[in-house]
Protein backbone atom coordinates (compact mmCIF):
# COMPACT_ATOMS: atom_id res chain seq x y z
CA MET A 1 -128.16 -82.43 -26.15
CA SER A 2 -128.99 -78.95 -27.34
CA ALA A 3 -126.52 -76.28 -26.66
CA VAL A 4 -128.40 -73.11 -25.15
CA ARG A 5 -126.90 -69.96 -26.97
CA ALA A 6 -126.66 -67.05 -24.69
CA ARG A 7 -128.30 -64.02 -25.90
CA GLY A 8 -126.84 -60.32 -26.17
CA PHE A 9 -124.65 -58.34 -28.36
CA THR A 10 -121.16 -59.16 -29.66
CA LEU A 11 -118.13 -57.19 -29.02
CA LEU A 12 -118.38 -56.06 -32.71
CA GLU A 13 -122.03 -54.73 -32.49
CA VAL A 14 -121.55 -52.85 -29.67
CA LEU A 15 -118.15 -51.46 -31.27
CA VAL A 16 -120.25 -50.07 -34.26
CA ALA A 17 -123.27 -48.83 -32.15
CA LEU A 18 -120.79 -46.56 -30.12
CA ALA A 19 -119.32 -45.34 -33.55
CA VAL A 20 -122.35 -44.87 -34.96
CA LEU A 21 -123.26 -42.71 -31.54
CA ALA A 22 -119.95 -40.89 -31.42
CA ILE A 23 -120.69 -39.41 -35.14
CA ALA A 24 -124.10 -38.41 -34.22
CA LEU A 25 -123.29 -36.66 -30.95
CA GLY A 26 -120.34 -34.85 -32.77
CA ALA A 27 -122.82 -33.58 -35.78
CA ALA A 28 -125.40 -32.43 -32.93
CA THR A 29 -122.52 -30.22 -30.90
CA ALA A 30 -121.35 -28.58 -34.14
CA ALA A 31 -125.08 -27.78 -35.00
CA VAL A 32 -125.72 -26.18 -31.39
CA SER A 33 -122.17 -24.29 -31.96
CA ARG A 34 -123.37 -22.71 -34.99
CA TYR A 35 -126.70 -21.97 -33.32
CA VAL A 36 -124.85 -20.17 -30.52
CA ASP A 37 -122.74 -18.35 -32.93
CA HIS A 38 -125.70 -17.11 -35.10
CA GLN A 39 -127.76 -16.17 -32.00
CA GLY A 40 -124.77 -13.88 -31.01
CA TYR A 41 -124.75 -12.41 -34.38
CA LEU A 42 -128.61 -12.15 -34.33
CA GLN A 43 -128.34 -10.22 -30.94
CA GLU A 44 -125.88 -8.05 -32.19
CA ARG A 45 -127.79 -6.96 -35.42
CA THR A 46 -131.15 -6.69 -33.52
CA LEU A 47 -129.15 -4.19 -31.06
CA GLY A 48 -127.89 -2.20 -33.91
CA THR A 49 -131.29 -1.82 -35.41
CA LEU A 50 -132.52 -0.20 -31.96
CA VAL A 51 -129.45 2.34 -32.22
CA ALA A 52 -130.08 3.10 -35.36
CA HIS A 53 -133.89 3.86 -34.50
CA ASP A 54 -132.30 5.77 -31.62
CA VAL A 55 -130.07 7.89 -34.09
CA LEU A 56 -132.71 8.42 -36.49
CA ALA A 57 -135.02 9.81 -33.48
CA GLU A 58 -132.56 12.09 -32.23
CA PHE A 59 -132.33 13.65 -35.88
CA ARG A 60 -136.40 14.25 -35.41
CA LEU A 61 -135.78 15.86 -32.19
CA ARG A 62 -133.36 18.15 -33.17
CA LYS A 63 -134.48 21.96 -33.25
CA ASP A 64 -132.07 22.69 -36.36
CA TRP A 65 -132.97 21.80 -39.90
CA PRO A 66 -130.11 19.15 -40.87
CA ALA A 67 -127.77 20.41 -43.84
CA THR A 68 -127.20 17.70 -46.73
CA GLY A 69 -124.13 15.71 -46.21
CA GLU A 70 -122.51 13.15 -43.79
CA GLU A 71 -122.55 12.98 -40.03
CA THR A 72 -120.71 10.30 -38.08
CA GLY A 73 -121.05 9.82 -34.10
CA GLU A 74 -120.56 7.13 -31.70
CA LEU A 75 -122.22 6.18 -28.88
CA ASP A 76 -122.85 3.33 -25.79
CA MET A 77 -125.99 1.38 -25.38
CA ALA A 78 -126.62 -2.40 -23.81
CA ARG A 79 -122.60 -2.71 -22.85
CA HIS A 80 -121.44 -2.14 -26.62
CA HIS A 81 -119.56 0.54 -28.23
CA TRP A 82 -121.62 1.95 -31.61
CA TYR A 83 -120.60 3.98 -34.33
CA TRP A 84 -122.91 5.49 -36.69
CA ARG A 85 -122.75 7.06 -39.75
CA ALA A 86 -125.68 9.20 -41.38
CA VAL A 87 -126.12 10.53 -45.15
CA VAL A 88 -128.76 13.35 -45.42
CA ALA A 89 -130.03 14.06 -48.75
CA GLY A 90 -132.18 16.16 -50.19
CA THR A 91 -135.56 14.99 -51.90
CA GLN A 92 -137.91 16.42 -54.62
CA ASP A 93 -139.96 17.75 -51.85
CA PRO A 94 -138.08 20.97 -50.51
CA ASP A 95 -139.40 20.19 -47.15
CA LEU A 96 -138.41 16.89 -46.77
CA ARG A 97 -135.05 15.23 -46.25
CA ARG A 98 -133.95 11.44 -46.28
CA VAL A 99 -131.69 10.19 -43.87
CA ASP A 100 -129.84 6.84 -44.52
CA ILE A 101 -128.06 5.17 -41.21
CA GLU A 102 -125.56 2.70 -41.02
CA ILE A 103 -124.39 1.25 -37.53
CA ARG A 104 -120.98 -0.72 -36.87
CA ALA A 105 -120.10 -1.94 -33.65
CA GLY A 106 -116.74 -2.12 -31.87
CA ASP A 107 -114.80 -0.79 -34.71
CA ARG A 108 -115.29 2.13 -37.23
CA ASP A 109 -114.57 0.56 -40.11
CA GLY A 110 -116.04 -2.87 -39.14
CA PRO A 111 -119.03 -4.48 -40.80
CA VAL A 112 -122.28 -2.89 -40.96
CA LEU A 113 -124.70 -4.32 -38.69
CA ALA A 114 -127.66 -2.42 -39.37
CA ARG A 115 -128.98 0.29 -42.03
CA LEU A 116 -132.32 2.53 -41.54
CA SER A 117 -133.46 5.08 -43.76
CA GLY A 118 -136.13 7.91 -42.78
CA PHE A 119 -137.64 11.12 -43.81
CA LEU A 120 -137.24 14.28 -41.67
CA GLU A 121 -139.71 17.08 -42.20
CA LYS A 122 -138.94 20.71 -42.20
CA PRO A 123 -139.53 22.31 -39.00
CA ALA A 124 -142.25 24.72 -39.27
CA PRO A 125 -141.43 28.46 -38.57
CA ARG A 126 -142.32 29.82 -34.90
CA PRO A 127 -144.35 32.61 -34.87
CA ALA A 128 -142.52 35.95 -33.21
CA ASP A 129 -144.59 36.03 -30.67
CA LEU A 130 -143.79 32.85 -29.12
CA PRO A 131 -140.83 32.30 -27.04
CA PRO A 132 -137.93 30.08 -27.70
CA ALA A 133 -138.64 26.60 -27.05
CA GLY A 134 -138.19 25.48 -23.51
CA GLN A 135 -139.51 28.77 -21.99
CA ASP A 136 -142.64 29.73 -20.94
CA ARG A 137 -144.59 32.53 -21.69
CA VAL A 138 -144.89 35.21 -18.85
CA THR A 139 -148.27 36.97 -18.87
CA THR A 140 -148.88 40.01 -16.86
């Protein structure tokens, strides 16, 4: 008479499989956590770059020719409070100025999230017969 052996896993095999599964799930959880943290950092950097472009656009829209030196400011955008620092420097061309902008979020002394450099052209002088910007010419 031959004994029929039951097929299946032993308790030891099941415990080893569960241990391997637990280690794999722990590593996967750590990877997802790092991804989520990195995603938030990238979002802040992207928003910081948009803020830097906004500050540069404000410099370009000014009516005055900015003096060389450093300017600082702050603004609210995308539910964040941003600090910016702009260094205006002269160039070899007397009609161009270089602007280097740094953006920080939340803390004036925090890490720089974005940097942007741009150039400003000296505004052309307005002819004397034109009214100041924003006013219409009156003809009779």
